Amino acid sequence: RLPAGSYAATLTAGLMVIGLSIYLPNWAQQVLGLDAVAA
């Protein structure tokens, strides 16, 4: 339970980070109209 559960929680954490890293700058540029630097 200890390592398997920790790995599973680490996996879902990686999922959150990549989702935000890819789509937040894209949303800021295409929806709010910010430039790449501001995004």
Full PDB file with SEQRES, HELIX, SHEET, SSBOND, CRYST1, ORIGX, SCALE, CONECT and MASTER records, all heavy atoms in Angstrom:
SEQRES   1 A   39  ARG LEU PRO ALA GLY SER TYR ALA ALA THR LEU THR ALA          
SEQRES   2 A   39  GLY LEU MET VAL ILE GLY LEU SER ILE TYR LEU PRO ASN          
SEQRES   3 A   39  TRP ALA GLN GLN VAL LEU GLY LEU ASP ALA VAL ALA ALA          
HELIX    1 AA1 LEU A    2  GLN A   30  1                                  29    
CRYST1    1.000    1.000    1.000  90.00  90.00  90.00 P 1           1          
ORIGX1      1.000000  0.000000  0.000000        0.00000                         
ORIGX2      0.000000  1.000000  0.000000        0.00000                         
ORIGX3      0.000000  0.000000  1.000000        0.00000                         
SCALE1      1.000000  0.000000  0.000000        0.00000                         
SCALE2      0.000000  1.000000  0.000000        0.00000                         
SCALE3      0.000000  0.000000  1.000000        0.00000                         
ATOM      1  N   ARG A   1       0.809  -1.218   0.000  1.00  0.00           N  
ATOM      2  CA  ARG A   1       0.000   0.000   0.000  1.00  0.00           C  
ATOM      3  C   ARG A   1       0.843   1.270   0.000  1.00  0.00           C  
ATOM      4  O   ARG A   1       0.528   2.227  -0.719  1.00  0.00           O  
ATOM      5  CB  ARG A   1      -0.918   0.008   1.219  1.00  0.00           C  
ATOM      6  CG  ARG A   1      -2.099  -0.944   1.147  1.00  0.00           C  
ATOM      7  CD  ARG A   1      -2.902  -0.875   2.436  1.00  0.00           C  
ATOM      8  NE  ARG A   1      -3.368   0.469   2.706  1.00  0.00           N  
ATOM      9  CZ  ARG A   1      -3.800   0.890   3.897  1.00  0.00           C  
ATOM     10  NH1 ARG A   1      -3.771   0.058   4.927  1.00  0.00           N  
ATOM     11  NH2 ARG A   1      -4.221   2.140   4.057  1.00  0.00           N  
ATOM     12  N   LEU A   2       1.900   1.270   0.785  1.00  0.00           N  
ATOM     13  CA  LEU A   2       2.668   2.504   0.924  1.00  0.00           C  
ATOM     14  C   LEU A   2       3.319   2.953  -0.381  1.00  0.00           C  
ATOM     15  O   LEU A   2       3.029   4.051  -0.868  1.00  0.00           O  
ATOM     16  CB  LEU A   2       3.708   2.347   2.034  1.00  0.00           C  
ATOM     17  CG  LEU A   2       4.676   3.523   2.233  1.00  0.00           C  
ATOM     18  CD1 LEU A   2       3.915   4.814   2.480  1.00  0.00           C  
ATOM     19  CD2 LEU A   2       5.621   3.238   3.393  1.00  0.00           C  
ATOM     20  N   PRO A   3       4.173   2.133  -0.999  1.00  0.00           N  
ATOM     21  CA  PRO A   3       4.774   2.600  -2.257  1.00  0.00           C  
ATOM     22  C   PRO A   3       3.767   2.683  -3.391  1.00  0.00           C  
ATOM     23  O   PRO A   3       3.792   3.646  -4.175  1.00  0.00           O  
ATOM     24  CB  PRO A   3       5.869   1.568  -2.539  1.00  0.00           C  
ATOM     25  CG  PRO A   3       5.481   0.352  -1.779  1.00  0.00           C  
ATOM     26  CD  PRO A   3       4.738   0.829  -0.567  1.00  0.00           C  
ATOM     27  N   ALA A   4       2.868   1.700  -3.506  1.00  0.00           N  
ATOM     28  CA  ALA A   4       1.907   1.711  -4.611  1.00  0.00           C  
ATOM     29  C   ALA A   4       0.999   2.928  -4.530  1.00  0.00           C  
ATOM     30  O   ALA A   4       0.729   3.603  -5.539  1.00  0.00           O  
ATOM     31  CB  ALA A   4       1.084   0.426  -4.606  1.00  0.00           C  
ATOM     32  N   GLY A   5       0.497   3.234  -3.340  1.00  0.00           N  
ATOM     33  CA  GLY A   5      -0.360   4.403  -3.183  1.00  0.00           C  
ATOM     34  C   GLY A   5       0.384   5.698  -3.443  1.00  0.00           C  
ATOM     35  O   GLY A   5      -0.145   6.630  -4.066  1.00  0.00           O  
ATOM     36  N   SER A   6       1.630   5.776  -2.971  1.00  0.00           N  
ATOM     37  CA  SER A   6       2.437   6.978  -3.209  1.00  0.00           C  
ATOM     38  C   SER A   6       2.708   7.167  -4.692  1.00  0.00           C  
ATOM     39  O   SER A   6       2.657   8.296  -5.213  1.00  0.00           O  
ATOM     40  CB  SER A   6       3.757   6.880  -2.444  1.00  0.00           C  
ATOM     41  OG  SER A   6       3.539   6.790  -1.051  1.00  0.00           O  
ATOM     42  N   TYR A   7       2.992   6.063  -5.389  1.00  0.00           N  
ATOM     43  CA  TYR A   7       3.205   6.159  -6.829  1.00  0.00           C  
ATOM     44  C   TYR A   7       1.928   6.598  -7.546  1.00  0.00           C  
ATOM     45  O   TYR A   7       1.977   7.409  -8.479  1.00  0.00           O  
ATOM     46  CB  TYR A   7       3.677   4.817  -7.390  1.00  0.00           C  
ATOM     47  CG  TYR A   7       5.060   4.406  -6.972  1.00  0.00           C  
ATOM     48  CD1 TYR A   7       5.468   3.076  -7.031  1.00  0.00           C  
ATOM     49  CD2 TYR A   7       5.986   5.342  -6.510  1.00  0.00           C  
ATOM     50  CE1 TYR A   7       6.748   2.688  -6.649  1.00  0.00           C  
ATOM     51  CE2 TYR A   7       7.259   4.961  -6.123  1.00  0.00           C  
ATOM     52  CZ  TYR A   7       7.635   3.636  -6.190  1.00  0.00           C  
ATOM     53  OH  TYR A   7       8.898   3.260  -5.815  1.00  0.00           O  
ATOM     54  N   ALA A   8       0.788   6.069  -7.117  1.00  0.00           N  
ATOM     55  CA  ALA A   8      -0.473   6.443  -7.753  1.00  0.00           C  
ATOM     56  C   ALA A   8      -0.767   7.925  -7.555  1.00  0.00           C  
ATOM     57  O   ALA A   8      -1.200   8.619  -8.493  1.00  0.00           O  
ATOM     58  CB  ALA A   8      -1.618   5.593  -7.186  1.00  0.00           C  
ATOM     59  N   ALA A   9      -0.523   8.436  -6.346  1.00  0.00           N  
ATOM     60  CA  ALA A   9      -0.743   9.861  -6.092  1.00  0.00           C  
ATOM     61  C   ALA A   9       0.247  10.720  -6.877  1.00  0.00           C  
ATOM     62  O   ALA A   9      -0.096  11.808  -7.359  1.00  0.00           O  
ATOM     63  CB  ALA A   9      -0.613  10.145  -4.597  1.00  0.00           C  
ATOM     64  N   THR A  10       1.482  10.236  -7.023  1.00  0.00           N  
ATOM     65  CA  THR A  10       2.475  10.958  -7.819  1.00  0.00           C  
ATOM     66  C   THR A  10       2.074  10.978  -9.285  1.00  0.00           C  
ATOM     67  O   THR A  10       2.276  11.983  -9.991  1.00  0.00           O  
ATOM     68  CB  THR A  10       3.860  10.300  -7.659  1.00  0.00           C  
ATOM     69  OG1 THR A  10       4.224  10.298  -6.275  1.00  0.00           O  
ATOM     70  CG2 THR A  10       4.921  11.053  -8.443  1.00  0.00           C  
ATOM     71  N   LEU A  11       1.502   9.875  -9.772  1.00  0.00           N  
ATOM     72  CA  LEU A  11       1.028   9.813 -11.157  1.00  0.00           C  
ATOM     73  C   LEU A  11      -0.065  10.848 -11.416  1.00  0.00           C  
ATOM     74  O   LEU A  11      -0.020  11.578 -12.418  1.00  0.00           O  
ATOM     75  CB  LEU A  11       0.535   8.405 -11.469  1.00  0.00           C  
ATOM     76  CG  LEU A  11       0.095   8.123 -12.918  1.00  0.00           C  
ATOM     77  CD1 LEU A  11       0.393   6.674 -13.302  1.00  0.00           C  
ATOM     78  CD2 LEU A  11      -1.396   8.398 -13.116  1.00  0.00           C  
ATOM     79  N   THR A  12      -1.058  10.928 -10.526  1.00  0.00           N  
ATOM     80  CA  THR A  12      -2.139  11.896 -10.733  1.00  0.00           C  
ATOM     81  C   THR A  12      -1.628  13.329 -10.593  1.00  0.00           C  
ATOM     82  O   THR A  12      -2.141  14.241 -11.246  1.00  0.00           O  
ATOM     83  CB  THR A  12      -3.291  11.647  -9.756  1.00  0.00           C  
ATOM     84  OG1 THR A  12      -2.784  11.576  -8.416  1.00  0.00           O  
ATOM     85  CG2 THR A  12      -4.013  10.344 -10.084  1.00  0.00           C  
ATOM     86  N   ALA A  13      -0.592  13.524  -9.756  1.00  0.00           N  
ATOM     87  CA  ALA A  13       0.010  14.850  -9.657  1.00  0.00           C  
ATOM     88  C   ALA A  13       0.679  15.231 -10.979  1.00  0.00           C  
ATOM     89  O   ALA A  13       0.560  16.371 -11.449  1.00  0.00           O  
ATOM     90  CB  ALA A  13       1.024  14.886  -8.516  1.00  0.00           C  
ATOM     91  N   GLY A  14       1.380  14.277 -11.593  1.00  0.00           N  
ATOM     92  CA  GLY A  14       1.978  14.539 -12.901  1.00  0.00           C  
ATOM     93  C   GLY A  14       0.940  14.866 -13.948  1.00  0.00           C  
ATOM     94  O   GLY A  14       1.148  15.723 -14.816  1.00  0.00           O  
ATOM     95  N   LEU A  15      -0.202  14.203 -13.867  1.00  0.00           N  
ATOM     96  CA  LEU A  15      -1.292  14.467 -14.793  1.00  0.00           C  
ATOM     97  C   LEU A  15      -1.781  15.908 -14.654  1.00  0.00           C  
ATOM     98  O   LEU A  15      -2.016  16.606 -15.654  1.00  0.00           O  
ATOM     99  CB  LEU A  15      -2.422  13.474 -14.508  1.00  0.00           C  
ATOM    100  CG  LEU A  15      -3.591  13.396 -15.482  1.00  0.00           C  
ATOM    101  CD1 LEU A  15      -4.124  11.970 -15.542  1.00  0.00           C  
ATOM    102  CD2 LEU A  15      -4.708  14.333 -15.067  1.00  0.00           C  
ATOM    103  N   MET A  16      -1.932  16.387 -13.403  1.00  0.00           N  
ATOM    104  CA  MET A  16      -2.387  17.761 -13.189  1.00  0.00           C  
ATOM    105  C   MET A  16      -1.394  18.774 -13.739  1.00  0.00           C  
ATOM    106  O   MET A  16      -1.772  19.753 -14.396  1.00  0.00           O  
ATOM    107  CB  MET A  16      -2.595  18.006 -11.694  1.00  0.00           C  
ATOM    108  CG  MET A  16      -3.814  17.345 -11.106  1.00  0.00           C  
ATOM    109  SD  MET A  16      -4.069  17.819  -9.378  1.00  0.00           S  
ATOM    110  CE  MET A  16      -2.976  16.669  -8.545  1.00  0.00           C  
ATOM    111  N   VAL A  17      -0.120  18.545 -13.473  1.00  0.00           N  
ATOM    112  CA  VAL A  17       0.903  19.503 -13.875  1.00  0.00           C  
ATOM    113  C   VAL A  17       0.969  19.641 -15.386  1.00  0.00           C  
ATOM    114  O   VAL A  17       1.036  20.752 -15.920  1.00  0.00           O  
ATOM    115  CB  VAL A  17       2.282  19.086 -13.313  1.00  0.00           C  
ATOM    116  CG1 VAL A  17       3.391  19.913 -13.943  1.00  0.00           C  
ATOM    117  CG2 VAL A  17       2.300  19.244 -11.808  1.00  0.00           C  
ATOM    118  N   ILE A  18       0.937  18.519 -16.106  1.00  0.00           N  
ATOM    119  CA  ILE A  18       1.041  18.600 -17.567  1.00  0.00           C  
ATOM    120  C   ILE A  18      -0.185  19.263 -18.164  1.00  0.00           C  
ATOM    121  O   ILE A  18      -0.089  20.033 -19.130  1.00  0.00           O  
ATOM    122  CB  ILE A  18       1.275  17.196 -18.179  1.00  0.00           C  
ATOM    123  CG1 ILE A  18       1.824  17.336 -19.613  1.00  0.00           C  
ATOM    124  CG2 ILE A  18       0.011  16.362 -18.182  1.00  0.00           C  
ATOM    125  CD1 ILE A  18       3.191  17.933 -19.700  1.00  0.00           C  
ATOM    126  N   GLY A  19      -1.367  18.996 -17.592  1.00  0.00           N  
ATOM    127  CA  GLY A  19      -2.579  19.630 -18.095  1.00  0.00           C  
ATOM    128  C   GLY A  19      -2.516  21.136 -17.970  1.00  0.00           C  
ATOM    129  O   GLY A  19      -2.872  21.882 -18.895  1.00  0.00           O  
ATOM    130  N   LEU A  20      -2.029  21.600 -16.825  1.00  0.00           N  
ATOM    131  CA  LEU A  20      -1.924  23.038 -16.611  1.00  0.00           C  
ATOM    132  C   LEU A  20      -0.826  23.645 -17.476  1.00  0.00           C  
ATOM    133  O   LEU A  20      -0.996  24.721 -18.060  1.00  0.00           O  
ATOM    134  CB  LEU A  20      -1.641  23.308 -15.135  1.00  0.00           C  
ATOM    135  CG  LEU A  20      -1.975  24.702 -14.625  1.00  0.00           C  
ATOM    136  CD1 LEU A  20      -3.442  25.010 -14.819  1.00  0.00           C  
ATOM    137  CD2 LEU A  20      -1.585  24.825 -13.157  1.00  0.00           C  
ATOM    138  N   SER A  21       0.308  22.965 -17.574  1.00  0.00           N  
ATOM    139  CA  SER A  21       1.451  23.497 -18.325  1.00  0.00           C  
ATOM    140  C   SER A  21       1.126  23.670 -19.805  1.00  0.00           C  
ATOM    141  O   SER A  21       1.576  24.622 -20.451  1.00  0.00           O  
ATOM    142  CB  SER A  21       2.659  22.577 -18.160  1.00  0.00           C  
ATOM    143  OG  SER A  21       3.042  22.484 -16.807  1.00  0.00           O  
ATOM    144  N   ILE A  22       0.326  22.747 -20.355  1.00  0.00           N  
ATOM    145  CA  ILE A  22       0.006  22.803 -21.778  1.00  0.00           C  
ATOM    146  C   ILE A  22      -1.107  23.803 -22.059  1.00  0.00           C  
ATOM    147  O   ILE A  22      -1.021  24.618 -22.987  1.00  0.00           O  
ATOM    148  CB  ILE A  22      -0.390  21.410 -22.298  1.00  0.00           C  
ATOM    149  CG1 ILE A  22       0.805  20.464 -22.268  1.00  0.00           C  
ATOM    150  CG2 ILE A  22      -0.949  21.502 -23.723  1.00  0.00           C  
ATOM    151  CD1 ILE A  22       0.457  19.035 -22.654  1.00  0.00           C  
ATOM    152  N   TYR A  23      -2.176  23.774 -21.251  1.00  0.00           N  
ATOM    153  CA  TYR A  23      -3.403  24.461 -21.636  1.00  0.00           C  
ATOM    154  C   TYR A  23      -3.609  25.831 -20.999  1.00  0.00           C  
ATOM    155  O   TYR A  23      -4.366  26.638 -21.533  1.00  0.00           O  
ATOM    156  CB  TYR A  23      -4.611  23.556 -21.356  1.00  0.00           C  
ATOM    157  CG  TYR A  23      -4.607  22.354 -22.261  1.00  0.00           C  
ATOM    158  CD1 TYR A  23      -4.176  21.118 -21.803  1.00  0.00           C  
ATOM    159  CD2 TYR A  23      -4.974  22.467 -23.605  1.00  0.00           C  
ATOM    160  CE1 TYR A  23      -4.137  20.015 -22.649  1.00  0.00           C  
ATOM    161  CE2 TYR A  23      -4.935  21.379 -24.452  1.00  0.00           C  
ATOM    162  CZ  TYR A  23      -4.515  20.153 -23.971  1.00  0.00           C  
ATOM    163  OH  TYR A  23      -4.464  19.066 -24.806  1.00  0.00           O  
ATOM    164  N   LEU A  24      -2.948  26.129 -19.879  1.00  0.00           N  
ATOM    165  CA  LEU A  24      -3.128  27.465 -19.302  1.00  0.00           C  
ATOM    166  C   LEU A  24      -2.535  28.559 -20.184  1.00  0.00           C  
ATOM    167  O   LEU A  24      -3.227  29.544 -20.479  1.00  0.00           O  
ATOM    168  CB  LEU A  24      -2.531  27.520 -17.889  1.00  0.00           C  
ATOM    169  CG  LEU A  24      -2.604  28.897 -17.216  1.00  0.00           C  
ATOM    170  CD1 LEU A  24      -4.040  29.390 -17.127  1.00  0.00           C  
ATOM    171  CD2 LEU A  24      -1.959  28.854 -15.832  1.00  0.00           C  
ATOM    172  N   PRO A  25      -1.266  28.444 -20.647  1.00  0.00           N  
ATOM    173  CA  PRO A  25      -0.757  29.487 -21.549  1.00  0.00           C  
ATOM    174  C   PRO A  25      -1.578  29.591 -22.830  1.00  0.00           C  
ATOM    175  O   PRO A  25      -1.807  30.706 -23.339  1.00  0.00           O  
ATOM    176  CB  PRO A  25       0.681  29.037 -21.839  1.00  0.00           C  
ATOM    177  CG  PRO A  25       1.038  28.136 -20.700  1.00  0.00           C  
ATOM    178  CD  PRO A  25      -0.243  27.437 -20.342  1.00  0.00           C  
ATOM    179  N   ASN A  26      -2.030  28.460 -23.353  1.00  0.00           N  
ATOM    180  CA  ASN A  26      -2.837  28.471 -24.573  1.00  0.00           C  
ATOM    181  C   ASN A  26      -4.152  29.198 -24.339  1.00  0.00           C  
ATOM    182  O   ASN A  26      -4.610  29.992 -25.176  1.00  0.00           O  
ATOM    183  CB  ASN A  26      -3.095  27.026 -25.016  1.00  0.00           C  
ATOM    184  CG  ASN A  26      -3.685  26.947 -26.402  1.00  0.00           C  
ATOM    185  OD1 ASN A  26      -3.174  27.555 -27.338  1.00  0.00           O  
ATOM    186  ND2 ASN A  26      -4.767  26.204 -26.539  1.00  0.00           N  
ATOM    187  N   TRP A  27      -4.799  28.943 -23.194  1.00  0.00           N  
ATOM    188  CA  TRP A  27      -6.053  29.616 -22.852  1.00  0.00           C  
ATOM    189  C   TRP A  27      -5.816  31.125 -22.706  1.00  0.00           C  
ATOM    190  O   TRP A  27      -6.617  31.941 -23.203  1.00  0.00           O  
ATOM    191  CB  TRP A  27      -6.609  29.037 -21.555  1.00  0.00           C  
ATOM    192  CG  TRP A  27      -7.854  29.720 -21.061  1.00  0.00           C  
ATOM    193  CD1 TRP A  27      -9.146  29.447 -21.422  1.00  0.00           C  
ATOM    194  CD2 TRP A  27      -7.926  30.808 -20.125  1.00  0.00           C  
ATOM    195  NE1 TRP A  27     -10.010  30.295 -20.766  1.00  0.00           N  
ATOM    196  CE2 TRP A  27      -9.286  31.136 -19.965  1.00  0.00           C  
ATOM    197  CE3 TRP A  27      -6.966  31.526 -19.414  1.00  0.00           C  
ATOM    198  CZ2 TRP A  27      -9.712  32.149 -19.117  1.00  0.00           C  
ATOM    199  CZ3 TRP A  27      -7.393  32.544 -18.564  1.00  0.00           C  
ATOM    200  CH2 TRP A  27      -8.740  32.845 -18.428  1.00  0.00           C  
ATOM    201  N   ALA A  28      -4.742  31.512 -22.027  1.00  0.00           N  
ATOM    202  CA  ALA A  28      -4.471  32.926 -21.807  1.00  0.00           C  
ATOM    203  C   ALA A  28      -4.262  33.678 -23.121  1.00  0.00           C  
ATOM    204  O   ALA A  28      -4.674  34.833 -23.267  1.00  0.00           O  
ATOM    205  CB  ALA A  28      -3.244  33.087 -20.911  1.00  0.00           C  
ATOM    206  N   GLN A  29      -3.632  33.012 -24.094  1.00  0.00           N  
ATOM    207  CA  GLN A  29      -3.396  33.661 -25.383  1.00  0.00           C  
ATOM    208  C   GLN A  29      -4.644  33.700 -26.251  1.00  0.00           C  
ATOM    209  O   GLN A  29      -5.006  34.751 -26.784  1.00  0.00           O  
ATOM    210  CB  GLN A  29      -2.266  32.925 -26.131  1.00  0.00           C  
ATOM    211  CG  GLN A  29      -0.897  33.101 -25.498  1.00  0.00           C  
ATOM    212  CD  GLN A  29       0.197  32.390 -26.291  1.00  0.00           C  
ATOM    213  OE1 GLN A  29       0.618  32.841 -27.351  1.00  0.00           O  
ATOM    214  NE2 GLN A  29       0.651  31.266 -25.760  1.00  0.00           N  
ATOM    215  N   GLN A  30      -5.324  32.562 -26.395  1.00  0.00           N  
ATOM    216  CA  GLN A  30      -6.412  32.481 -27.357  1.00  0.00           C  
ATOM    217  C   GLN A  30      -7.745  32.980 -26.812  1.00  0.00           C  
ATOM    218  O   GLN A  30      -8.618  33.362 -27.590  1.00  0.00           O  
ATOM    219  CB  GLN A  30      -6.563  31.039 -27.844  1.00  0.00           C  
ATOM    220  CG  GLN A  30      -5.335  30.523 -28.565  1.00  0.00           C  
ATOM    221  CD  GLN A  30      -5.621  29.302 -29.415  1.00  0.00           C  
ATOM    222  OE1 GLN A  30      -6.680  29.185 -30.027  1.00  0.00           O  
ATOM    223  NE2 GLN A  30      -4.680  28.371 -29.446  1.00  0.00           N  
ATOM    224  N   VAL A  31      -7.922  32.958 -25.495  1.00  0.00           N  
ATOM    225  CA  VAL A  31      -9.185  33.420 -24.915  1.00  0.00           C  
ATOM    226  C   VAL A  31      -9.069  34.838 -24.387  1.00  0.00           C  
ATOM    227  O   VAL A  31      -9.910  35.692 -24.683  1.00  0.00           O  
ATOM    228  CB  VAL A  31      -9.643  32.459 -23.793  1.00  0.00           C  
ATOM    229  CG1 VAL A  31     -10.932  32.977 -23.137  1.00  0.00           C  
ATOM    230  CG2 VAL A  31      -9.870  31.059 -24.351  1.00  0.00           C  
ATOM    231  N   LEU A  32      -8.011  35.111 -23.612  1.00  0.00           N  
ATOM    232  CA  LEU A  32      -7.840  36.458 -23.071  1.00  0.00           C  
ATOM    233  C   LEU A  32      -7.109  37.398 -24.019  1.00  0.00           C  
ATOM    234  O   LEU A  32      -7.127  38.609 -23.825  1.00  0.00           O  
ATOM    235  CB  LEU A  32      -7.077  36.396 -21.739  1.00  0.00           C  
ATOM    236  CG  LEU A  32      -7.766  35.683 -20.570  1.00  0.00           C  
ATOM    237  CD1 LEU A  32      -6.963  35.881 -19.293  1.00  0.00           C  
ATOM    238  CD2 LEU A  32      -9.196  36.155 -20.384  1.00  0.00           C  
ATOM    239  N   GLY A  33      -6.428  36.832 -25.035  1.00  0.00           N  
ATOM    240  CA  GLY A  33      -5.714  37.657 -25.996  1.00  0.00           C  
ATOM    241  C   GLY A  33      -4.374  38.163 -25.510  1.00  0.00           C  
ATOM    242  O   GLY A  33      -3.841  39.147 -26.049  1.00  0.00           O  
ATOM    243  N   LEU A  34      -3.789  37.509 -24.504  1.00  0.00           N  
ATOM    244  CA  LEU A  34      -2.474  37.927 -24.014  1.00  0.00           C  
ATOM    245  C   LEU A  34      -1.380  37.487 -24.982  1.00  0.00           C  
ATOM    246  O   LEU A  34      -1.567  36.538 -25.749  1.00  0.00           O  
ATOM    247  CB  LEU A  34      -2.203  37.310 -22.635  1.00  0.00           C  
ATOM    248  CG  LEU A  34      -3.200  37.633 -21.514  1.00  0.00           C  
ATOM    249  CD1 LEU A  34      -2.766  36.941 -20.223  1.00  0.00           C  
ATOM    250  CD2 LEU A  34      -3.315  39.137 -21.299  1.00  0.00           C  
ATOM    251  N   ASP A  35      -0.247  38.165 -24.929  1.00  0.00           N  
ATOM    252  CA  ASP A  35       0.874  37.704 -25.743  1.00  0.00           C  
ATOM    253  C   ASP A  35       1.560  36.536 -25.047  1.00  0.00           C  
ATOM    254  O   ASP A  35       1.241  36.174 -23.907  1.00  0.00           O  
ATOM    255  CB  ASP A  35       1.858  38.841 -26.032  1.00  0.00           C  
ATOM    256  CG  ASP A  35       2.453  39.448 -24.769  1.00  0.00           C  
ATOM    257  OD1 ASP A  35       2.613  38.720 -23.759  1.00  0.00           O  
ATOM    258  OD2 ASP A  35       2.767  40.652 -24.781  1.00  0.00           O  
ATOM    259  N   ALA A  36       2.520  35.923 -25.738  1.00  0.00           N  
ATOM    260  CA  ALA A  36       3.142  34.703 -25.230  1.00  0.00           C  
ATOM    261  C   ALA A  36       3.867  34.938 -23.908  1.00  0.00           C  
ATOM    262  O   ALA A  36       3.858  34.074 -23.020  1.00  0.00           O  
ATOM    263  CB  ALA A  36       4.114  34.140 -26.271  1.00  0.00           C  
ATOM    264  N   VAL A  37       4.496  36.100 -23.767  1.00  0.00           N  
ATOM    265  CA  VAL A  37       5.242  36.393 -22.546  1.00  0.00           C  
ATOM    266  C   VAL A  37       4.295  36.511 -21.353  1.00  0.00           C  
ATOM    267  O   VAL A  37       4.511  35.924 -20.289  1.00  0.00           O  
ATOM    268  CB  VAL A  37       6.072  37.680 -22.704  1.00  0.00           C  
ATOM    269  CG1 VAL A  37       6.738  38.061 -21.386  1.00  0.00           C  
ATOM    270  CG2 VAL A  37       7.110  37.506 -23.798  1.00  0.00           C  
ATOM    271  N   ALA A  38       3.207  37.277 -21.529  1.00  0.00           N  
ATOM    272  CA  ALA A  38       2.241  37.443 -20.440  1.00  0.00           C  
ATOM    273  C   ALA A  38       1.577  36.121 -20.084  1.00  0.00           C  
ATOM    274  O   ALA A  38       1.338  35.825 -18.910  1.00  0.00           O  
ATOM    275  CB  ALA A  38       1.188  38.479 -20.841  1.00  0.00           C  
ATOM    276  N   ALA A  39       1.281  35.310 -21.101  1.00  0.00           N  
ATOM    277  CA  ALA A  39       0.687  34.003 -20.842  1.00  0.00           C  
ATOM    278  C   ALA A  39       1.648  33.118 -20.057  1.00  0.00           C  
ATOM    279  O   ALA A  39       1.241  32.351 -19.181  1.00  0.00           O  
ATOM    280  CB  ALA A  39       0.304  33.328 -22.162  1.00  0.00           C  
TER     281      ALA A  39                                                      
MASTER        0    0    0    1    0    0    0    6  280    1    0    3          
END                                                                             
